[in-house]
Amino acid sequence: MRNICVIGTGYVGLVTGVCFADLGNNVVCVDVDVQKVEMLRSGRSPIYEPGLEELMERNMRAGRLTFTDDYRVGLDNASFVFITVGTPMADDGSADLRYVESAAHGIGKTMTRSLIIIDKSTVPVGTGDVVTDIIASYAKPEMTYDVISNPEFLREGSAVTDFFNPDRIVLGSKNRKAAEAVAELHAPLNAPVFITDLRTAEMIKYASNAFLATRISFINEIAQMCERLGADVIEVARGMGADKRIGPHFLSAGVGYGGSCFPKDVLALHHMAASVGCHPQLLQAVMDINRDARTTFVSKVRTIFGSVDKKVIGVLGLSFKPNTDDMREAPSVEIIQALQAEGAHIKAYDPVAMENADNYLPTVTFCATAYDAAKEADALLIITEWNEFKQIDWQRIRQIMKNPLVLDGRNIYDPKEMTERGFTYIGVGRGIPASATQALPRPHNGHGNGAALKESTVVEQA
């Protein structure tokens, strides 16, 4: 049993703290937000993450997990301190380190024993040295400590599972003995451990996220070609993914990536590259294509009707991905705002994200069910691939919609089946007939395009 302090109780921090407590450690989570701390003490999670709240309550009852807003309480008996605070996007595209620096200040001022300080926040290369210097400037001269970079690879919506079943544990340090101590902390997870220097570990996180984002943008670029050439991107991705050198993951065409990681991390890596004289043209293309995936989707809606002014548009799915209520950089926000700017009335439903979505989309009509969102709608847009949308009663939807038009931004449904149900169905890269592609608007910047389809067009699988 080890004593652990976790600074920050966001997605990464709360999952980290709860799961380490479940492994039998004593964990104190520190957060400067007093209201959040009180909420956590009452057994309620401030975030939606499947299985997390139940795990949190169990470990609180066992006395292994507590919450405080006081650094002194958090560090009192700790041997390991995890920094898990946010690194949001700054105005210039770089990572904003104010919360990491604040955590380092708090640790340096209050530490009373030797510590191993583990930075799990996604931070620019070189931040480990910054944290080391900050702590040194505040800690008493007799205090000894080591700073470890331990990037997280948790996916929102499956973060608890990911914690207990990691692909690898990455540890960067100037002191191998300290890194091995952190490796031992993770030993119950039975995962491969990679020990590197600090800067390499920090780069592994950014490189991993940027590569996954690149795969998404690549398949979205292919999807646009599929629409013009009459191919089906689903089958293309399946054929590509069967190649062991490529694999099937992150090859789902749609309306692009979002969330708290990919958008800011790709931009931050781009900023890092430019700041040291590199020319990150691939990263720029990844961001351009991702943006165009959304504008292309809006173009399809617009050109079907000629104008969306006064059209009622139903939207299913608001969070940036299923199994989370996170609305940060969610494609739905940009898509909905663009349609609203052109006069459309938006009715939307999401299983868990509507409360958060209200902060981003205050003029949207939020509905109690998917059927309420579809009722009297001129078109129904699928933005997030929640499982419950895969079991919709389409006969009922067909009866209550004003116009049986479905634009599937996640390619959940089979085009032929939707056609047989009486819908005009448009996916992403699903083989638009050549006769329809002549009306496609040309891309303005070399990446995106829209699909100018007549209202009667039926998109069939190639």
Protein backbone atom coordinates (compact mmCIF):
# COMPACT_ATOMS: atom_id res chain seq x y z
CA MET A 1 0.00 0.00 0.00
CA ARG A 2 1.37 3.39 -1.03
CA ASN A 3 0.34 6.95 -0.22
CA ILE A 4 -0.49 8.93 -3.33
CA CYS A 5 -1.56 12.53 -3.90
CA VAL A 6 -3.29 13.54 -7.13
CA ILE A 7 -3.39 17.26 -8.01
CA GLY A 8 -6.45 18.02 -10.15
CA THR A 9 -9.76 16.16 -10.43
CA GLY A 10 -10.66 16.49 -14.10
CA TYR A 11 -11.04 13.51 -16.43
CA VAL A 12 -7.44 12.36 -15.99
CA GLY A 13 -7.01 13.22 -12.32
CA LEU A 14 -10.24 11.75 -11.03
CA VAL A 15 -9.84 8.52 -12.99
CA THR A 16 -6.21 8.24 -11.90
CA GLY A 17 -7.01 8.82 -8.24
CA VAL A 18 -10.02 6.52 -8.11
CA CYS A 19 -8.29 3.69 -9.95
CA PHE A 20 -5.10 3.83 -7.89
CA ALA A 21 -7.29 3.69 -4.78
CA ASP A 22 -9.03 0.64 -6.22
CA LEU A 23 -5.61 -1.01 -6.52
CA GLY A 24 -5.33 -0.74 -2.71
CA ASN A 25 -3.43 2.54 -2.32
CA ASN A 26 -4.30 5.45 -0.05
CA VAL A 27 -5.15 8.36 -2.35
CA VAL A 28 -5.84 12.01 -1.57
CA CYS A 29 -7.11 14.10 -4.50
CA VAL A 30 -6.47 17.85 -4.31
CA ASP A 31 -8.44 20.46 -6.23
CA VAL A 32 -8.57 24.23 -5.68
CA ASP A 33 -12.25 24.29 -6.70
CA VAL A 34 -13.98 24.08 -3.32
CA GLN A 35 -17.42 23.39 -4.81
CA LYS A 36 -16.05 20.49 -6.85
CA VAL A 37 -14.37 19.07 -3.75
CA GLU A 38 -17.65 19.22 -1.84
CA MET A 39 -19.42 17.49 -4.71
CA LEU A 40 -16.81 14.73 -4.75
CA ARG A 41 -17.00 14.30 -0.98
CA SER A 42 -20.73 13.69 -1.36
CA GLY A 43 -19.97 10.79 -3.70
CA ARG A 44 -20.98 12.52 -6.92
CA SER A 45 -18.69 12.74 -9.93
CA PRO A 46 -18.53 16.09 -11.78
CA ILE A 47 -17.94 14.23 -15.06
CA TYR A 48 -19.79 11.47 -16.86
CA GLU A 49 -17.56 8.45 -17.27
CA PRO A 50 -19.02 4.93 -17.30
CA GLY A 51 -18.28 3.05 -14.08
CA LEU A 52 -16.35 5.88 -12.44
CA GLU A 53 -18.86 7.07 -9.87
CA GLU A 54 -19.55 3.56 -8.60
CA LEU A 55 -15.81 2.91 -8.24
CA MET A 56 -15.36 6.25 -6.49
CA GLU A 57 -18.10 5.53 -3.94
CA ARG A 58 -16.69 2.07 -3.18
CA ASN A 59 -13.20 3.35 -2.43
CA MET A 60 -14.48 6.25 -0.38
CA ARG A 61 -16.43 3.80 1.79
CA ALA A 62 -13.26 1.72 2.16
CA GLY A 63 -11.40 4.81 3.40
CA ARG A 64 -8.79 4.68 0.64
CA LEU A 65 -9.99 7.78 -1.27
CA THR A 66 -10.46 11.31 0.07
CA PHE A 67 -10.74 14.79 -1.41
CA THR A 68 -9.40 18.14 -0.22
CA ASP A 69 -8.68 21.68 -1.41
CA ASP A 70 -5.60 21.90 0.85
CA TYR A 71 -2.17 21.00 -0.55
CA ARG A 72 -0.87 20.35 2.95
CA VAL A 73 -3.48 17.67 3.57
CA GLY A 74 -2.80 16.11 0.19
CA LEU A 75 0.97 16.02 0.59
CA ASP A 76 1.09 15.18 4.29
CA ASN A 77 1.84 11.45 3.93
CA ALA A 78 2.40 11.18 0.19
CA SER A 79 5.37 9.52 -1.45
CA PHE A 80 4.06 9.97 -4.99
CA VAL A 81 2.39 13.13 -6.32
CA PHE A 82 0.63 13.15 -9.68
CA ILE A 83 0.08 16.44 -11.51
CA THR A 84 -3.06 15.95 -13.62
CA VAL A 85 -4.26 19.50 -14.23
CA GLY A 86 -5.47 20.80 -17.58
CA THR A 87 -3.28 22.32 -20.27
CA PRO A 88 -5.81 24.22 -22.39
CA MET A 89 -5.07 25.88 -25.69
CA ALA A 90 -3.56 29.36 -25.42
CA ASP A 91 -4.46 32.16 -27.85
CA ASP A 92 -1.36 31.48 -29.95
CA GLY A 93 -2.05 27.73 -30.20
CA SER A 94 0.50 26.71 -27.61
CA ALA A 95 -0.33 24.77 -24.45
CA ASP A 96 -1.26 27.02 -21.53
CA LEU A 97 0.86 25.86 -18.58
CA ARG A 98 -0.56 28.13 -15.90
CA TYR A 99 -2.24 25.25 -14.03
CA VAL A 100 0.86 23.03 -14.21
CA GLU A 101 2.99 25.89 -12.93
CA SER A 102 0.49 26.58 -10.15
CA ALA A 103 0.57 22.91 -9.12
CA ALA A 104 4.39 23.02 -9.06
CA HIS A 105 4.24 26.14 -6.87
CA GLY A 106 1.84 24.43 -4.47
CA ILE A 107 4.00 21.31 -4.22
CA GLY A 108 7.22 23.27 -3.70
CA LYS A 109 5.74 25.45 -0.97
CA THR A 110 4.16 22.64 1.05
CA MET A 111 6.35 19.54 0.62
CA THR A 112 7.85 18.30 3.86
CA ARG A 113 9.41 15.03 2.71
CA SER A 114 11.14 13.51 -0.30
CA LEU A 115 8.73 13.09 -3.19
CA ILE A 116 8.47 11.57 -6.61
CA ILE A 117 6.46 14.04 -8.68
CA ILE A 118 4.76 12.54 -11.71
CA ASP A 119 3.46 14.79 -14.46
CA LYS A 120 0.52 13.14 -16.25
CA SER A 121 -0.71 16.34 -17.86
CA THR A 122 -0.10 16.69 -21.60
CA VAL A 123 2.70 19.24 -21.66
CA PRO A 124 5.14 20.66 -24.24
CA VAL A 125 8.56 19.11 -24.51
CA GLY A 126 10.76 20.65 -21.82
CA THR A 127 8.01 21.16 -19.24
CA GLY A 128 9.59 18.62 -16.89
CA ASP A 129 12.56 20.92 -16.56
CA VAL A 130 10.25 23.88 -15.91
CA VAL A 131 8.42 21.97 -13.15
CA THR A 132 11.77 20.98 -11.63
CA ASP A 133 12.96 24.59 -11.56
CA ILE A 134 9.72 25.92 -10.06
CA ILE A 135 9.74 23.38 -7.25
CA ALA A 136 13.41 24.08 -6.59
CA SER A 137 12.69 27.79 -6.21
CA TYR A 138 10.08 27.17 -3.49
CA ALA A 139 11.12 23.97 -1.70
CA LYS A 140 13.36 24.01 1.37
CA PRO A 141 17.00 23.28 0.50
CA GLU A 142 16.98 19.95 2.33
CA MET A 143 14.03 18.61 0.31
CA THR A 144 14.86 16.02 -2.36
CA TYR A 145 12.58 15.09 -5.22
CA ASP A 146 12.46 13.72 -8.75
CA VAL A 147 10.18 14.73 -11.61
CA ILE A 148 8.82 11.99 -13.86
CA SER A 149 6.89 12.40 -17.11
CA ASN A 150 4.12 9.79 -17.26
CA PRO A 151 1.79 10.75 -20.13
CA GLU A 152 -1.75 9.41 -19.98
CA PHE A 153 -3.50 7.60 -22.80
CA LEU A 154 -7.03 7.44 -21.39
CA ARG A 155 -9.95 7.73 -23.78
CA GLU A 156 -13.03 9.53 -22.54
CA GLY A 157 -15.90 7.08 -22.41
CA SER A 158 -13.62 4.14 -21.64
CA ALA A 159 -11.12 5.75 -19.27
CA VAL A 160 -11.59 3.31 -16.37
CA THR A 161 -11.10 0.32 -18.66
CA ASP A 162 -8.10 2.00 -20.27
CA PHE A 163 -6.49 2.65 -16.88
CA PHE A 164 -6.68 -0.99 -15.86
CA ASN A 165 -5.72 -2.30 -19.32
CA PRO A 166 -3.03 0.04 -20.70
CA ASP A 167 -1.12 -0.68 -23.90
CA ARG A 168 2.03 0.67 -22.26
CA ILE A 169 3.35 2.76 -19.40
CA VAL A 170 5.70 5.55 -20.52
CA LEU A 171 8.04 7.03 -17.91
CA GLY A 172 10.56 9.77 -18.57
CA SER A 173 13.12 10.75 -15.96
CA LYS A 174 16.66 11.87 -15.30
CA ASN A 175 16.79 9.37 -12.43
CA ARG A 176 16.19 5.79 -13.50
CA LYS A 177 15.73 4.61 -9.91
CA ALA A 178 12.85 7.04 -9.46
CA ALA A 179 11.31 5.90 -12.75
CA GLU A 180 11.56 2.29 -11.61
CA ALA A 181 9.72 3.20 -8.40
CA VAL A 182 6.86 4.62 -10.48
CA ALA A 183 6.98 1.52 -12.67
CA GLU A 184 6.50 -0.59 -9.54
CA LEU A 185 3.47 1.52 -8.68
CA HIS A 186 1.97 0.41 -12.00
CA ALA A 187 3.07 -3.23 -11.66
CA PRO A 188 -0.45 -4.58 -10.94
CA LEU A 189 -1.50 -3.45 -14.42
CA ASN A 190 0.90 -5.93 -16.09
CA ALA A 191 1.70 -3.54 -18.94
CA PRO A 192 4.96 -3.00 -20.85
CA VAL A 193 7.00 -0.16 -19.35
CA PHE A 194 9.08 2.21 -21.47
CA ILE A 195 11.64 4.25 -19.52
CA THR A 196 13.09 7.22 -21.42
CA ASP A 197 14.45 10.67 -20.73
CA LEU A 198 11.97 13.43 -19.77
CA ARG A 199 11.71 15.11 -23.16
CA THR A 200 11.23 11.90 -25.10
CA ALA A 201 8.35 10.84 -22.86
CA GLU A 202 6.69 14.23 -23.32
CA MET A 203 7.05 13.92 -27.10
CA ILE A 204 5.61 10.38 -27.15
CA LYS A 205 2.25 11.74 -25.98
CA TYR A 206 2.06 14.47 -28.62
CA ALA A 207 3.31 12.23 -31.39
CA SER A 208 0.77 9.54 -30.51
CA ASN A 209 -2.21 11.90 -30.53
CA ALA A 210 -1.07 13.67 -33.68
CA PHE A 211 -0.68 10.36 -35.51
CA LEU A 212 -4.17 9.20 -34.55
CA ALA A 213 -5.59 12.57 -35.65
CA THR A 214 -3.71 12.16 -38.93
CA ARG A 215 -5.37 8.80 -39.56
CA ILE A 216 -8.80 10.38 -39.05
CA SER A 217 -8.06 13.25 -41.40
CA PHE A 218 -6.59 10.87 -43.97
CA ILE A 219 -9.73 8.73 -44.13
CA ASN A 220 -11.87 11.86 -44.33
CA GLU A 221 -9.81 13.01 -47.31
CA ILE A 222 -10.35 9.60 -48.91
CA ALA A 223 -14.09 9.86 -48.14
CA GLN A 224 -14.37 13.05 -50.18
CA MET A 225 -12.77 11.31 -53.14
CA CYS A 226 -15.08 8.33 -52.66
CA GLU A 227 -18.11 10.59 -52.95
CA ARG A 228 -16.91 12.01 -56.25
CA LEU A 229 -15.72 8.71 -57.69
CA GLY A 230 -18.59 6.46 -56.59
CA ALA A 231 -16.66 4.32 -54.08
CA ASP A 232 -17.66 3.35 -50.53
CA VAL A 233 -15.26 4.58 -47.83
CA ILE A 234 -16.50 1.94 -45.38
CA GLU A 235 -15.29 -0.84 -47.65
CA VAL A 236 -12.13 1.10 -48.50
CA ALA A 237 -11.28 1.40 -44.80
CA ARG A 238 -12.06 -2.26 -44.24
CA GLY A 239 -9.75 -3.26 -47.05
CA MET A 240 -7.01 -0.95 -45.80
CA GLY A 241 -7.37 -2.09 -42.19
CA ALA A 242 -6.90 -5.74 -43.10
CA ASP A 243 -3.29 -4.91 -43.95
CA LYS A 244 -1.23 -5.67 -40.83
CA ARG A 245 0.99 -2.70 -41.60
CA ILE A 246 -2.03 -0.36 -41.36
CA GLY A 247 -4.63 -1.89 -39.03
CA PRO A 248 -8.31 -0.94 -38.70
CA HIS A 249 -8.25 1.65 -35.93
CA PHE A 250 -9.10 5.34 -36.41
CA LEU A 251 -10.21 4.83 -40.01
CA SER A 252 -13.83 5.88 -39.56
CA ALA A 253 -14.83 8.71 -41.89
CA GLY A 254 -17.19 11.32 -40.52
CA VAL A 255 -17.38 14.90 -39.34
CA GLY A 256 -13.91 14.93 -37.83
CA TYR A 257 -12.25 14.61 -34.45
CA GLY A 258 -12.98 16.78 -31.43
CA GLY A 259 -12.65 16.67 -27.66
CA SER A 260 -10.11 17.95 -25.19
CA CYS A 261 -7.03 16.23 -26.64
CA PHE A 262 -6.65 15.91 -30.41
CA PRO A 263 -7.50 19.51 -31.42
CA LYS A 264 -5.29 21.19 -28.83
CA ASP A 265 -2.50 18.63 -28.98
CA VAL A 266 -2.11 18.76 -32.77
CA LEU A 267 -2.11 22.56 -32.63
CA ALA A 268 0.35 22.60 -29.73
CA LEU A 269 2.71 20.24 -31.58
CA HIS A 270 2.40 22.45 -34.66
CA HIS A 271 3.30 25.45 -32.49
CA MET A 272 6.27 23.61 -30.97
CA ALA A 273 7.56 22.63 -34.40
CA ALA A 274 7.27 26.15 -35.77
CA SER A 275 8.94 27.63 -32.69
CA VAL A 276 12.11 25.61 -33.34
CA GLY A 277 12.26 26.32 -37.06
CA CYS A 278 10.52 23.21 -38.41
CA HIS A 279 7.87 23.35 -41.11
CA PRO A 280 4.97 21.19 -39.90
CA GLN A 281 3.01 21.06 -43.17
CA LEU A 282 1.50 17.63 -42.44
CA LEU A 283 0.09 18.82 -39.11
CA GLN A 284 -1.36 21.88 -40.84
CA ALA A 285 -3.07 19.65 -43.41
CA VAL A 286 -4.48 17.44 -40.65
CA MET A 287 -6.10 20.47 -39.01
CA ASP A 288 -7.38 21.86 -42.32
CA ILE A 289 -8.99 18.58 -43.34
CA ASN A 290 -10.59 18.17 -39.92
CA ARG A 291 -12.14 21.63 -40.13
CA ASP A 292 -13.33 20.98 -43.68
CA ALA A 293 -15.04 17.74 -42.65
CA ARG A 294 -17.49 19.88 -40.70
CA THR A 295 -17.97 22.58 -43.30
CA THR A 296 -18.50 19.90 -45.95
CA PHE A 297 -21.24 18.34 -43.86
CA VAL A 298 -22.95 21.71 -43.49
CA SER A 299 -22.63 22.23 -47.26
CA LYS A 300 -24.49 18.99 -47.87
CA VAL A 301 -27.40 20.15 -45.74
CA ARG A 302 -27.44 23.60 -47.33
CA THR A 303 -27.27 22.47 -50.92
CA ILE A 304 -29.96 19.84 -50.53
CA PHE A 305 -32.47 22.55 -49.67
CA GLY A 306 -30.94 25.49 -51.48
CA SER A 307 -31.44 27.37 -48.21
CA VAL A 308 -31.92 26.14 -44.66
CA ASP A 309 -33.72 29.33 -43.62
CA LYS A 310 -36.72 28.36 -41.48
CA LYS A 311 -35.97 24.66 -41.94
CA VAL A 312 -36.36 22.46 -38.86
CA ILE A 313 -33.25 20.33 -38.43
CA GLY A 314 -33.14 17.47 -35.93
CA VAL A 315 -29.75 16.55 -34.48
CA LEU A 316 -28.90 13.29 -32.74
CA GLY A 317 -25.73 13.40 -30.68
CA LEU A 318 -23.94 16.45 -29.27
CA SER A 319 -20.90 15.25 -27.31
CA PHE A 320 -17.66 14.95 -29.25
CA LYS A 321 -17.85 11.15 -28.94
CA PRO A 322 -20.20 8.60 -27.35
CA ASN A 323 -20.10 7.65 -23.65
CA THR A 324 -19.07 11.11 -22.48
CA ASP A 325 -20.77 14.43 -21.78
CA ASP A 326 -17.71 16.38 -22.94
CA MET A 327 -18.57 19.17 -25.40
CA ARG A 328 -15.08 20.57 -25.84
CA GLU A 329 -14.35 21.01 -29.57
CA ALA A 330 -17.39 18.86 -30.36
CA PRO A 331 -18.17 18.89 -34.13
CA SER A 332 -21.84 19.37 -33.29
CA VAL A 333 -21.19 22.90 -32.02
CA GLU A 334 -19.66 24.20 -35.24
CA ILE A 335 -22.20 22.39 -37.42
CA ILE A 336 -25.21 23.62 -35.46
CA GLN A 337 -23.96 27.19 -35.18
CA ALA A 338 -23.36 27.33 -38.94
CA LEU A 339 -26.90 26.11 -39.67
CA GLN A 340 -28.40 28.50 -37.14
CA ALA A 341 -26.51 31.39 -38.72
CA GLU A 342 -28.37 30.61 -41.94
CA GLY A 343 -31.78 30.59 -40.29
CA ALA A 344 -32.32 26.93 -39.39
CA HIS A 345 -34.19 25.93 -36.24
CA ILE A 346 -32.32 23.15 -34.41
CA LYS A 347 -33.90 20.47 -32.23
CA ALA A 348 -31.34 18.19 -30.57
CA TYR A 349 -31.07 15.14 -28.38
CA ASP A 350 -28.08 13.55 -26.64
CA PRO A 351 -28.26 10.83 -23.96
CA VAL A 352 -26.03 12.64 -21.44
CA ALA A 353 -24.51 15.83 -22.86
CA MET A 354 -27.45 18.22 -23.12
CA GLU A 355 -26.78 19.96 -19.81
CA ASN A 356 -23.22 20.75 -20.88
CA ALA A 357 -24.33 21.51 -24.43
CA ASP A 358 -26.61 24.27 -23.17
CA ASN A 359 -23.48 26.28 -22.30
CA TYR A 360 -22.31 26.07 -25.94
CA LEU A 361 -25.66 26.11 -27.76
CA PRO A 362 -28.08 28.20 -25.70
CA THR A 363 -30.60 28.73 -28.53
CA VAL A 364 -31.02 25.06 -29.44
CA THR A 365 -34.26 23.29 -28.48
CA PHE A 366 -33.18 20.27 -26.44
CA CYS A 367 -35.49 17.26 -26.60
CA ALA A 368 -36.27 14.41 -24.22
CA THR A 369 -35.89 11.68 -26.83
CA ALA A 370 -34.53 11.06 -30.31
CA TYR A 371 -38.10 10.89 -31.56
CA ASP A 372 -38.89 14.35 -30.21
CA ALA A 373 -35.88 15.70 -32.10
CA ALA A 374 -37.07 14.05 -35.32
CA LYS A 375 -40.71 15.14 -35.05
CA GLU A 376 -41.70 17.49 -37.89
CA ALA A 377 -38.05 17.81 -38.91
CA ASP A 378 -37.07 18.60 -42.49
CA ALA A 379 -33.85 16.63 -41.98
CA LEU A 380 -32.23 14.51 -39.28
CA LEU A 381 -28.48 14.76 -38.70
CA ILE A 382 -26.47 12.07 -36.90
CA ILE A 383 -23.44 13.71 -35.28
CA THR A 384 -22.42 11.33 -32.45
CA GLU A 385 -22.59 7.55 -32.75
CA TRP A 386 -24.29 6.66 -29.46
CA ASN A 387 -25.31 3.01 -29.26
CA GLU A 388 -28.95 3.84 -28.66
CA PHE A 389 -29.11 5.48 -32.09
CA LYS A 390 -28.31 2.11 -33.66
CA GLN A 391 -31.63 0.70 -32.40
CA ILE A 392 -33.95 3.49 -33.49
CA ASP A 393 -37.46 2.60 -34.66
CA TRP A 394 -37.08 3.96 -38.18
CA GLN A 395 -40.68 3.23 -39.12
CA ARG A 396 -41.75 5.58 -36.32
CA ILE A 397 -39.16 8.18 -37.38
CA ARG A 398 -40.42 7.99 -40.97
CA GLN A 399 -43.96 8.70 -39.82
CA ILE A 400 -43.15 11.71 -37.64
CA MET A 401 -40.61 13.50 -39.85
CA LYS A 402 -41.82 16.20 -42.20
CA ASN A 403 -39.27 15.09 -44.80
CA PRO A 404 -37.61 11.63 -44.59
CA LEU A 405 -34.05 12.85 -45.04
CA VAL A 406 -31.16 11.51 -42.94
CA LEU A 407 -27.59 12.82 -43.11
CA ASP A 408 -25.38 10.41 -41.22
CA GLY A 409 -22.17 12.09 -40.11
CA ARG A 410 -20.84 8.87 -38.55
CA ASN A 411 -21.90 6.24 -41.13
CA ILE A 412 -23.86 4.26 -38.54
CA TYR A 413 -26.47 2.94 -40.97
CA ASP A 414 -26.52 0.89 -44.13
CA PRO A 415 -27.52 3.00 -47.17
CA LYS A 416 -29.57 0.24 -48.84
CA GLU A 417 -31.50 -0.51 -45.66
CA MET A 418 -32.28 3.15 -45.13
CA THR A 419 -33.42 3.49 -48.74
CA GLU A 420 -35.70 0.47 -48.34
CA ARG A 421 -37.22 2.13 -45.28
CA GLY A 422 -38.20 5.10 -47.41
CA PHE A 423 -35.46 7.57 -46.48
CA THR A 424 -33.22 9.74 -48.54
CA TYR A 425 -29.95 8.76 -46.91
CA ILE A 426 -26.61 10.53 -47.21
CA GLY A 427 -23.53 9.30 -45.40
CA VAL A 428 -19.90 10.35 -45.58
CA GLY A 429 -18.00 8.86 -48.50
CA ARG A 430 -20.66 6.24 -49.20
CA GLY A 431 -20.52 6.27 -52.99
CA ILE A 432 -22.62 9.13 -54.33
CA PRO A 433 -23.65 8.31 -57.94
CA ALA A 434 -21.60 10.04 -60.63
CA SER A 435 -24.68 11.93 -61.82
CA ALA A 436 -24.81 13.76 -58.51
CA THR A 437 -21.15 14.67 -58.28
CA GLN A 438 -21.33 17.17 -61.14
CA ALA A 439 -23.16 19.55 -58.81
CA LEU A 440 -20.63 19.27 -56.01
CA PRO A 441 -19.17 22.66 -55.06
CA ARG A 442 -15.41 22.79 -55.56
CA PRO A 443 -13.17 23.03 -52.48
CA HIS A 444 -12.02 26.54 -51.72
CA ASN A 445 -8.74 25.55 -50.11
CA GLY A 446 -7.80 22.22 -51.59
CA HIS A 447 -9.29 20.00 -48.91
CA GLY A 448 -13.04 20.15 -48.28
CA ASN A 449 -16.05 20.01 -50.49
CA GLY A 450 -19.76 19.76 -50.10
CA ALA A 451 -22.30 17.54 -51.77
CA ALA A 452 -24.94 19.49 -53.68
CA LEU A 453 -27.68 16.90 -53.82
CA LYS A 454 -31.25 17.35 -54.90
CA GLU A 455 -33.87 16.56 -52.29
CA SER A 456 -34.94 13.43 -54.20
CA THR A 457 -31.42 11.98 -54.44
CA VAL A 458 -30.98 8.55 -52.88
CA VAL A 459 -27.44 7.65 -52.00
CA GLU A 460 -26.84 3.94 -52.46
CA GLN A 461 -23.94 1.84 -51.37
CA ALA A 462 -21.42 1.29 -54.10
